[in-house]
Amino acid sequence: MEAKLVRIGNSKGIRLPKSILVQTGMTERIEIEARGHSIILKPIKEPRSGWEASFAKGGSKLSKEDSAWLDADLAANIASGEGDNW
């Protein structure tokens, strides 16, 4: 696809078609990188975005042993000497 550079103040820019933005997942903010004679545009992904929804969707698939470990009073186990078996 060919695009024309347009003047934006003292800079120049291009208009990206909506279909390209949707296809690449680009929204409001992008990362711009220069490599040699090329310009690379990448969508900025927020760290851990979507984790909460994925976790909620996944349900609890922990083994009984893992659930017991997560629910255990670790401070009491360490004080009693049981915490050495990690």
PDB file of N, CA and C in Angstrom:
ATOM      1  N   MET A   1       0.851  -1.176   0.000  1.00  0.00           N
ATOM      2  CA  MET A   1       0.000   0.000   0.000  1.00  0.00           C
ATOM      3  C   MET A   1       0.895   1.237   0.000  1.00  0.00           C
ATOM      4  N   GLU A   2       0.520   2.194  -0.732  1.00  0.00           N
ATOM      5  CA  GLU A   2       1.271   3.450  -0.804  1.00  0.00           C
ATOM      6  C   GLU A   2       0.504   4.534  -0.062  1.00  0.00           C
ATOM      7  N   ALA A   3       1.240   5.398   0.633  1.00  0.00           N
ATOM      8  CA  ALA A   3       0.630   6.512   1.365  1.00  0.00           C
ATOM      9  C   ALA A   3       1.440   7.765   1.097  1.00  0.00           C
ATOM     10  N   LYS A   4       0.796   8.899   1.258  1.00  0.00           N
ATOM     11  CA  LYS A   4       1.453  10.175   1.017  1.00  0.00           C
ATOM     12  C   LYS A   4       1.758  10.857   2.346  1.00  0.00           C
ATOM     13  N   LEU A   5       2.963  11.421   2.485  1.00  0.00           N
ATOM     14  CA  LEU A   5       3.304  12.200   3.669  1.00  0.00           C
ATOM     15  C   LEU A   5       2.573  13.533   3.620  1.00  0.00           C
ATOM     16  N   VAL A   6       1.989  13.920   4.759  1.00  0.00           N
ATOM     17  CA  VAL A   6       1.282  15.200   4.838  1.00  0.00           C
ATOM     18  C   VAL A   6       1.937  16.051   5.919  1.00  0.00           C
ATOM     19  N   ARG A   7       1.917  17.348   5.735  1.00  0.00           N
ATOM     20  CA  ARG A   7       2.519  18.269   6.693  1.00  0.00           C
ATOM     21  C   ARG A   7       1.609  18.395   7.906  1.00  0.00           C
ATOM     22  N   ILE A   8       2.236  18.259   9.086  1.00  0.00           N
ATOM     23  CA  ILE A   8       1.543  18.450  10.365  1.00  0.00           C
ATOM     24  C   ILE A   8       2.442  19.364  11.181  1.00  0.00           C
ATOM     25  N   GLY A   9       2.184  20.666  11.143  1.00  0.00           N
ATOM     26  CA  GLY A   9       3.059  21.636  11.807  1.00  0.00           C
ATOM     27  C   GLY A   9       4.435  21.578  11.178  1.00  0.00           C
ATOM     28  N   ASN A  10       5.465  21.415  12.016  1.00  0.00           N
ATOM     29  CA  ASN A  10       6.836  21.300  11.508  1.00  0.00           C
ATOM     30  C   ASN A  10       7.216  19.856  11.187  1.00  0.00           C
ATOM     31  N   SER A  11       6.271  18.950  11.339  1.00  0.00           N
ATOM     32  CA  SER A  11       6.532  17.530  11.113  1.00  0.00           C
ATOM     33  C   SER A  11       5.767  17.041   9.895  1.00  0.00           C
ATOM     34  N   LYS A  12       5.891  15.770   9.633  1.00  0.00           N
ATOM     35  CA  LYS A  12       5.107  15.136   8.570  1.00  0.00           C
ATOM     36  C   LYS A  12       4.501  13.872   9.140  1.00  0.00           C
ATOM     37  N   GLY A  13       3.403  13.454   8.567  1.00  0.00           N
ATOM     38  CA  GLY A  13       2.716  12.263   9.046  1.00  0.00           C
ATOM     39  C   GLY A  13       2.037  11.537   7.910  1.00  0.00           C
ATOM     40  N   ILE A  14       1.447  10.411   8.233  1.00  0.00           N
ATOM     41  CA  ILE A  14       0.658   9.654   7.261  1.00  0.00           C
ATOM     42  C   ILE A  14      -0.677   9.314   7.900  1.00  0.00           C
ATOM     43  N   ARG A  15      -1.668   9.081   7.068  1.00  0.00           N
ATOM     44  CA  ARG A  15      -2.973   8.622   7.545  1.00  0.00           C
ATOM     45  C   ARG A  15      -3.023   7.124   7.338  1.00  0.00           C
ATOM     46  N   LEU A  16      -3.385   6.420   8.387  1.00  0.00           N
ATOM     47  CA  LEU A  16      -3.473   4.965   8.312  1.00  0.00           C
ATOM     48  C   LEU A  16      -4.936   4.560   8.176  1.00  0.00           C
ATOM     49  N   PRO A  17      -5.257   3.733   7.194  1.00  0.00           N
ATOM     50  CA  PRO A  17      -6.644   3.291   7.030  1.00  0.00           C
ATOM     51  C   PRO A  17      -7.142   2.513   8.250  1.00  0.00           C
ATOM     52  N   LYS A  18      -8.421   2.670   8.561  1.00  0.00           N
ATOM     53  CA  LYS A  18      -9.022   2.008   9.713  1.00  0.00           C
ATOM     54  C   LYS A  18      -8.817   0.497   9.645  1.00  0.00           C
ATOM     55  N   SER A  19      -8.934  -0.077   8.448  1.00  0.00           N
ATOM     56  CA  SER A  19      -8.777  -1.531   8.313  1.00  0.00           C
ATOM     57  C   SER A  19      -7.387  -1.995   8.765  1.00  0.00           C
ATOM     58  N   ILE A  20      -6.361  -1.206   8.492  1.00  0.00           N
ATOM     59  CA  ILE A  20      -4.995  -1.534   8.921  1.00  0.00           C
ATOM     60  C   ILE A  20      -4.894  -1.425  10.445  1.00  0.00           C
ATOM     61  N   LEU A  21      -5.493  -0.384  11.012  1.00  0.00           N
ATOM     62  CA  LEU A  21      -5.457  -0.201  12.464  1.00  0.00           C
ATOM     63  C   LEU A  21      -6.156  -1.347  13.183  1.00  0.00           C
ATOM     64  N   VAL A  22      -7.306  -1.764  12.678  1.00  0.00           N
ATOM     65  CA  VAL A  22      -8.044  -2.870  13.286  1.00  0.00           C
ATOM     66  C   VAL A  22      -7.250  -4.165  13.147  1.00  0.00           C
ATOM     67  N   GLN A  23      -6.716  -4.424  11.964  1.00  0.00           N
ATOM     68  CA  GLN A  23      -5.962  -5.652  11.705  1.00  0.00           C
ATOM     69  C   GLN A  23      -4.741  -5.778  12.616  1.00  0.00           C
ATOM     70  N   THR A  24      -4.080  -4.660  12.898  1.00  0.00           N
ATOM     71  CA  THR A  24      -2.852  -4.689  13.692  1.00  0.00           C
ATOM     72  C   THR A  24      -3.088  -4.456  15.181  1.00  0.00           C
ATOM     73  N   GLY A  25      -4.316  -4.111  15.575  1.00  0.00           N
ATOM     74  CA  GLY A  25      -4.616  -3.892  16.987  1.00  0.00           C
ATOM     75  C   GLY A  25      -4.132  -2.548  17.498  1.00  0.00           C
ATOM     76  N   MET A  26      -3.873  -1.617  16.613  1.00  0.00           N
ATOM     77  CA  MET A  26      -3.413  -0.292  17.037  1.00  0.00           C
ATOM     78  C   MET A  26      -4.615   0.554  17.434  1.00  0.00           C
ATOM     79  N   THR A  27      -4.457   1.255  18.567  1.00  0.00           N
ATOM     80  CA  THR A  27      -5.550   2.118  19.027  1.00  0.00           C
ATOM     81  C   THR A  27      -5.039   3.544  19.139  1.00  0.00           C
ATOM     82  N   GLU A  28      -4.959   4.081  20.327  1.00  0.00           N
ATOM     83  CA  GLU A  28      -4.565   5.476  20.522  1.00  0.00           C
ATOM     84  C   GLU A  28      -3.055   5.690  20.529  1.00  0.00           C
ATOM     85  N   ARG A  29      -2.317   4.746  21.119  1.00  0.00           N
ATOM     86  CA  ARG A  29      -0.876   4.923  21.274  1.00  0.00           C
ATOM     87  C   ARG A  29      -0.138   3.822  20.522  1.00  0.00           C
ATOM     88  N   ILE A  30       0.980   4.193  19.901  1.00  0.00           N
ATOM     89  CA  ILE A  30       1.795   3.215  19.195  1.00  0.00           C
ATOM     90  C   ILE A  30       3.265   3.430  19.533  1.00  0.00           C
ATOM     91  N   GLU A  31       4.046   2.401  19.306  1.00  0.00           N
ATOM     92  CA  GLU A  31       5.496   2.499  19.466  1.00  0.00           C
ATOM     93  C   GLU A  31       6.088   2.697  18.081  1.00  0.00           C
ATOM     94  N   ILE A  32       7.014   3.650  17.962  1.00  0.00           N
ATOM     95  CA  ILE A  32       7.661   3.945  16.677  1.00  0.00           C
ATOM     96  C   ILE A  32       9.140   3.612  16.804  1.00  0.00           C
ATOM     97  N   GLU A  33       9.643   2.848  15.852  1.00  0.00           N
ATOM     98  CA  GLU A  33      11.044   2.427  15.873  1.00  0.00           C
ATOM     99  C   GLU A  33      11.635   2.619  14.476  1.00  0.00           C
ATOM    100  N   ALA A  34      12.831   3.182  14.414  1.00  0.00           N
ATOM    101  CA  ALA A  34      13.531   3.335  13.135  1.00  0.00           C
ATOM    102  C   ALA A  34      14.567   2.224  13.022  1.00  0.00           C
ATOM    103  N   ARG A  35      14.533   1.497  11.906  1.00  0.00           N
ATOM    104  CA  ARG A  35      15.523   0.445  11.616  1.00  0.00           C
ATOM    105  C   ARG A  35      16.068   0.691  10.215  1.00  0.00           C
ATOM    106  N   GLY A  36      17.297   1.150  10.190  1.00  0.00           N
ATOM    107  CA  GLY A  36      17.886   1.453   8.880  1.00  0.00           C
ATOM    108  C   GLY A  36      17.058   2.505   8.172  1.00  0.00           C
ATOM    109  N   HIS A  37      16.569   2.167   6.999  1.00  0.00           N
ATOM    110  CA  HIS A  37      15.731   3.094   6.223  1.00  0.00           C
ATOM    111  C   HIS A  37      14.247   2.766   6.358  1.00  0.00           C
ATOM    112  N   SER A  38      13.882   2.053   7.416  1.00  0.00           N
ATOM    113  CA  SER A  38      12.486   1.665   7.624  1.00  0.00           C
ATOM    114  C   SER A  38      11.963   2.233   8.941  1.00  0.00           C
ATOM    115  N   ILE A  39      10.664   2.430   9.001  1.00  0.00           N
ATOM    116  CA  ILE A  39       9.982   2.864  10.218  1.00  0.00           C
ATOM    117  C   ILE A  39       9.024   1.742  10.605  1.00  0.00           C
ATOM    118  N   ILE A  40       9.160   1.254  11.843  1.00  0.00           N
ATOM    119  CA  ILE A  40       8.322   0.169  12.339  1.00  0.00           C
ATOM    120  C   ILE A  40       7.309   0.757  13.320  1.00  0.00           C
ATOM    121  N   LEU A  41       6.032   0.478  13.107  1.00  0.00           N
ATOM    122  CA  LEU A  41       4.959   0.907  14.005  1.00  0.00           C
ATOM    123  C   LEU A  41       4.410  -0.336  14.693  1.00  0.00           C
ATOM    124  N   LYS A  42       4.279  -0.278  16.022  1.00  0.00           N
ATOM    125  CA  LYS A  42       3.760  -1.411  16.793  1.00  0.00           C
ATOM    126  C   LYS A  42       2.722  -0.908  17.783  1.00  0.00           C
ATOM    127  N   PRO A  43       1.671  -1.710  18.009  1.00  0.00           N
ATOM    128  CA  PRO A  43       0.710  -1.322  19.048  1.00  0.00           C
ATOM    129  C   PRO A  43       1.365  -1.435  20.412  1.00  0.00           C
ATOM    130  N   ILE A  44       0.998  -0.550  21.328  1.00  0.00           N
ATOM    131  CA  ILE A  44       1.497  -0.625  22.700  1.00  0.00           C
ATOM    132  C   ILE A  44       0.523  -1.477  23.492  1.00  0.00           C
ATOM    133  N   LYS A  45       1.035  -2.545  24.055  1.00  0.00           N
ATOM    134  CA  LYS A  45       0.210  -3.422  24.884  1.00  0.00           C
ATOM    135  C   LYS A  45       0.513  -3.111  26.334  1.00  0.00           C
ATOM    136  N   GLU A  46      -0.524  -2.873  27.088  1.00  0.00           N
ATOM    137  CA  GLU A  46      -0.358  -2.607  28.511  1.00  0.00           C
ATOM    138  C   GLU A  46       0.042  -3.907  29.198  1.00  0.00           C
ATOM    139  N   PRO A  47       1.038  -3.852  30.078  1.00  0.00           N
ATOM    140  CA  PRO A  47       1.438  -5.074  30.777  1.00  0.00           C
ATOM    141  C   PRO A  47       0.273  -5.670  31.545  1.00  0.00           C
ATOM    142  N   ARG A  48       0.116  -6.944  31.434  1.00  0.00           N
ATOM    143  CA  ARG A  48      -0.907  -7.697  32.153  1.00  0.00           C
ATOM    144  C   ARG A  48      -2.332  -7.324  31.760  1.00  0.00           C
ATOM    145  N   SER A  49      -2.508  -6.631  30.620  1.00  0.00           N
ATOM    146  CA  SER A  49      -3.877  -6.298  30.232  1.00  0.00           C
ATOM    147  C   SER A  49      -4.612  -7.589  29.880  1.00  0.00           C
ATOM    148  N   GLY A  50      -5.807  -7.734  30.376  1.00  0.00           N
ATOM    149  CA  GLY A  50      -6.615  -8.917  30.122  1.00  0.00           C
ATOM    150  C   GLY A  50      -6.390 -10.058  31.100  1.00  0.00           C
ATOM    151  N   TRP A  51      -5.408  -9.933  31.976  1.00  0.00           N
ATOM    152  CA  TRP A  51      -5.136 -11.018  32.921  1.00  0.00           C
ATOM    153  C   TRP A  51      -6.312 -11.262  33.851  1.00  0.00           C
ATOM    154  N   GLU A  52      -6.918 -10.186  34.340  1.00  0.00           N
ATOM    155  CA  GLU A  52      -8.015 -10.333  35.292  1.00  0.00           C
ATOM    156  C   GLU A  52      -9.174 -11.100  34.659  1.00  0.00           C
ATOM    157  N   ALA A  53      -9.524 -10.747  33.423  1.00  0.00           N
ATOM    158  CA  ALA A  53     -10.616 -11.429  32.731  1.00  0.00           C
ATOM    159  C   ALA A  53     -10.253 -12.886  32.450  1.00  0.00           C
ATOM    160  N   SER A  54      -9.017 -13.136  32.057  1.00  0.00           N
ATOM    161  CA  SER A  54      -8.578 -14.512  31.787  1.00  0.00           C
ATOM    162  C   SER A  54      -8.619 -15.345  33.055  1.00  0.00           C
ATOM    163  N   PHE A  55      -8.176 -14.768  34.154  1.00  0.00           N
ATOM    164  CA  PHE A  55      -8.184 -15.486  35.425  1.00  0.00           C
ATOM    165  C   PHE A  55      -9.613 -15.807  35.846  1.00  0.00           C
ATOM    166  N   ALA A  56     -10.503 -14.814  35.712  1.00  0.00           N
ATOM    167  CA  ALA A  56     -11.895 -15.010  36.107  1.00  0.00           C
ATOM    168  C   ALA A  56     -12.556 -16.086  35.241  1.00  0.00           C
ATOM    169  N   LYS A  57     -12.208 -16.125  33.968  1.00  0.00           N
ATOM    170  CA  LYS A  57     -12.771 -17.101  33.042  1.00  0.00           C
ATOM    171  C   LYS A  57     -12.247 -18.504  33.321  1.00  0.00           C
ATOM    172  N   GLY A  58     -11.010 -18.590  33.801  1.00  0.00           N
ATOM    173  CA  GLY A  58     -10.372 -19.879  33.998  1.00  0.00           C
ATOM    174  C   GLY A  58     -10.935 -20.697  35.140  1.00  0.00           C
ATOM    175  N   GLY A  59     -11.558 -20.061  36.099  1.00  0.00           N
ATOM    176  CA  GLY A  59     -12.090 -20.777  37.241  1.00  0.00           C
ATOM    177  C   GLY A  59     -10.978 -21.317  38.120  1.00  0.00           C
ATOM    178  N   SER A  60     -11.328 -22.128  39.066  1.00  0.00           N
ATOM    179  CA  SER A  60     -10.345 -22.694  39.987  1.00  0.00           C
ATOM    180  C   SER A  60     -10.018 -24.114  39.552  1.00  0.00           C
ATOM    181  N   LYS A  61      -8.860 -24.301  38.961  1.00  0.00           N
ATOM    182  CA  LYS A  61      -8.450 -25.623  38.494  1.00  0.00           C
ATOM    183  C   LYS A  61      -7.236 -26.092  39.286  1.00  0.00           C
ATOM    184  N   LEU A  62      -7.175 -25.691  40.530  1.00  0.00           N
ATOM    185  CA  LEU A  62      -6.058 -26.085  41.380  1.00  0.00           C
ATOM    186  C   LEU A  62      -6.311 -27.467  41.971  1.00  0.00           C
ATOM    187  N   SER A  63      -5.234 -28.197  42.188  1.00  0.00           N
ATOM    188  CA  SER A  63      -5.358 -29.485  42.870  1.00  0.00           C
ATOM    189  C   SER A  63      -5.700 -29.214  44.333  1.00  0.00           C
ATOM    190  N   LYS A  64      -6.148 -30.255  45.026  1.00  0.00           N
ATOM    191  CA  LYS A  64      -6.469 -30.106  46.450  1.00  0.00           C
ATOM    192  C   LYS A  64      -5.217 -29.699  47.222  1.00  0.00           C
ATOM    193  N   GLU A  65      -4.079 -30.270  46.837  1.00  0.00           N
ATOM    194  CA  GLU A  65      -2.815 -29.950  47.515  1.00  0.00           C
ATOM    195  C   GLU A  65      -2.452 -28.478  47.322  1.00  0.00           C
ATOM    196  N   ASP A  66      -2.602 -27.966  46.083  1.00  0.00           N
ATOM    197  CA  ASP A  66      -2.298 -26.555  45.817  1.00  0.00           C
ATOM    198  C   ASP A  66      -3.248 -25.641  46.579  1.00  0.00           C
ATOM    199  N   SER A  67      -4.535 -25.990  46.602  1.00  0.00           N
ATOM    200  CA  SER A  67      -5.504 -25.177  47.340  1.00  0.00           C
ATOM    201  C   SER A  67      -5.170 -25.156  48.823  1.00  0.00           C
ATOM    202  N   ALA A  68      -4.790 -26.314  49.362  1.00  0.00           N
ATOM    203  CA  ALA A  68      -4.429 -26.383  50.781  1.00  0.00           C
ATOM    204  C   ALA A  68      -3.203 -25.531  51.063  1.00  0.00           C
ATOM    205  N   TRP A  69      -2.234 -25.572  50.160  1.00  0.00           N
ATOM    206  CA  TRP A  69      -1.011 -24.780  50.334  1.00  0.00           C
ATOM    207  C   TRP A  69      -1.328 -23.289  50.320  1.00  0.00           C
ATOM    208  N   LEU A  70      -2.193 -22.867  49.379  1.00  0.00           N
ATOM    209  CA  LEU A  70      -2.551 -21.449  49.279  1.00  0.00           C
ATOM    210  C   LEU A  70      -3.351 -20.981  50.493  1.00  0.00           C
ATOM    211  N   ASP A  71      -4.143 -21.878  51.063  1.00  0.00           N
ATOM    212  CA  ASP A  71      -4.981 -21.519  52.208  1.00  0.00           C
ATOM    213  C   ASP A  71      -4.251 -21.665  53.542  1.00  0.00           C
ATOM    214  N   ALA A  72      -3.083 -22.275  53.537  1.00  0.00           N
ATOM    215  CA  ALA A  72      -2.362 -22.560  54.782  1.00  0.00           C
ATOM    216  C   ALA A  72      -1.869 -21.283  55.449  1.00  0.00           C
ATOM    217  N   ASP A  73      -1.753 -21.352  56.763  1.00  0.00           N
ATOM    218  CA  ASP A  73      -1.190 -20.262  57.545  1.00  0.00           C
ATOM    219  C   ASP A  73       0.328 -20.460  57.545  1.00  0.00           C
ATOM    220  N   LEU A  74       1.005 -19.875  56.575  1.00  0.00           N
ATOM    221  CA  LEU A  74       2.437 -20.095  56.397  1.00  0.00           C
ATOM    222  C   LEU A  74       3.255 -19.600  57.581  1.00  0.00           C
ATOM    223  N   ALA A  75       2.841 -18.503  58.189  1.00  0.00           N
ATOM    224  CA  ALA A  75       3.584 -17.981  59.338  1.00  0.00           C
ATOM    225  C   ALA A  75       3.576 -19.003  60.469  1.00  0.00           C
ATOM    226  N   ALA A  76       2.437 -19.658  60.704  1.00  0.00           N
ATOM    227  CA  ALA A  76       2.345 -20.672  61.761  1.00  0.00           C
ATOM    228  C   ALA A  76       3.198 -21.884  61.390  1.00  0.00           C
ATOM    229  N   ASN A  77       3.199 -22.264  60.125  1.00  0.00           N
ATOM    230  CA  ASN A  77       3.993 -23.410  59.664  1.00  0.00           C
ATOM    231  C   ASN A  77       5.488 -23.144  59.835  1.00  0.00           C
ATOM    232  N   ILE A  78       5.924 -21.931  59.540  1.00  0.00           N
ATOM    233  CA  ILE A  78       7.339 -21.585  59.670  1.00  0.00           C
ATOM    234  C   ILE A  78       7.735 -21.586  61.152  1.00  0.00           C
ATOM    235  N   ALA A  79       6.881 -21.020  61.995  1.00  0.00           N
ATOM    236  CA  ALA A  79       7.181 -20.969  63.420  1.00  0.00           C
ATOM    237  C   ALA A  79       7.261 -22.371  64.028  1.00  0.00           C
ATOM    238  N   SER A  80       6.458 -23.308  63.495  1.00  0.00           N
ATOM    239  CA  SER A  80       6.456 -24.656  64.053  1.00  0.00           C
ATOM    240  C   SER A  80       7.513 -25.542  63.421  1.00  0.00           C
ATOM    241  N   GLY A  81       8.225 -25.029  62.420  1.00  0.00           N
ATOM    242  CA  GLY A  81       9.269 -25.822  61.763  1.00  0.00           C
ATOM    243  C   GLY A  81       8.775 -26.577  60.556  1.00  0.00           C
ATOM    244  N   GLU A  82       7.474 -26.556  60.276  1.00  0.00           N
ATOM    245  CA  GLU A  82       6.931 -27.251  59.114  1.00  0.00           C
ATOM    246  C   GLU A  82       7.241 -26.509  57.820  1.00  0.00           C
ATOM    247  N   GLY A  83       7.600 -25.233  57.916  1.00  0.00           N
ATOM    248  CA  GLY A  83       7.858 -24.437  56.714  1.00  0.00           C
ATOM    249  C   GLY A  83       9.173 -24.750  56.040  1.00  0.00           C
ATOM    250  N   ASP A  84       9.967 -25.669  56.609  1.00  0.00           N
ATOM    251  CA  ASP A  84      11.263 -26.024  56.016  1.00  0.00           C
ATOM    252  C   ASP A  84      11.114 -26.993  54.843  1.00  0.00           C
ATOM    253  N   ASN A  85       9.932 -27.489  54.616  1.00  0.00           N
ATOM    254  CA  ASN A  85       9.726 -28.518  53.584  1.00  0.00           C
ATOM    255  C   ASN A  85       9.254 -27.941  52.262  1.00  0.00           C
ATOM    256  N   TRP A  86       9.709 -26.799  51.892  1.00  0.00           N
ATOM    257  CA  TRP A  86       9.264 -26.167  50.649  1.00  0.00           C
ATOM    258  C   TRP A  86       9.922 -26.893  49.538  1.00  0.00           C
TER     259      TRP A  86
END
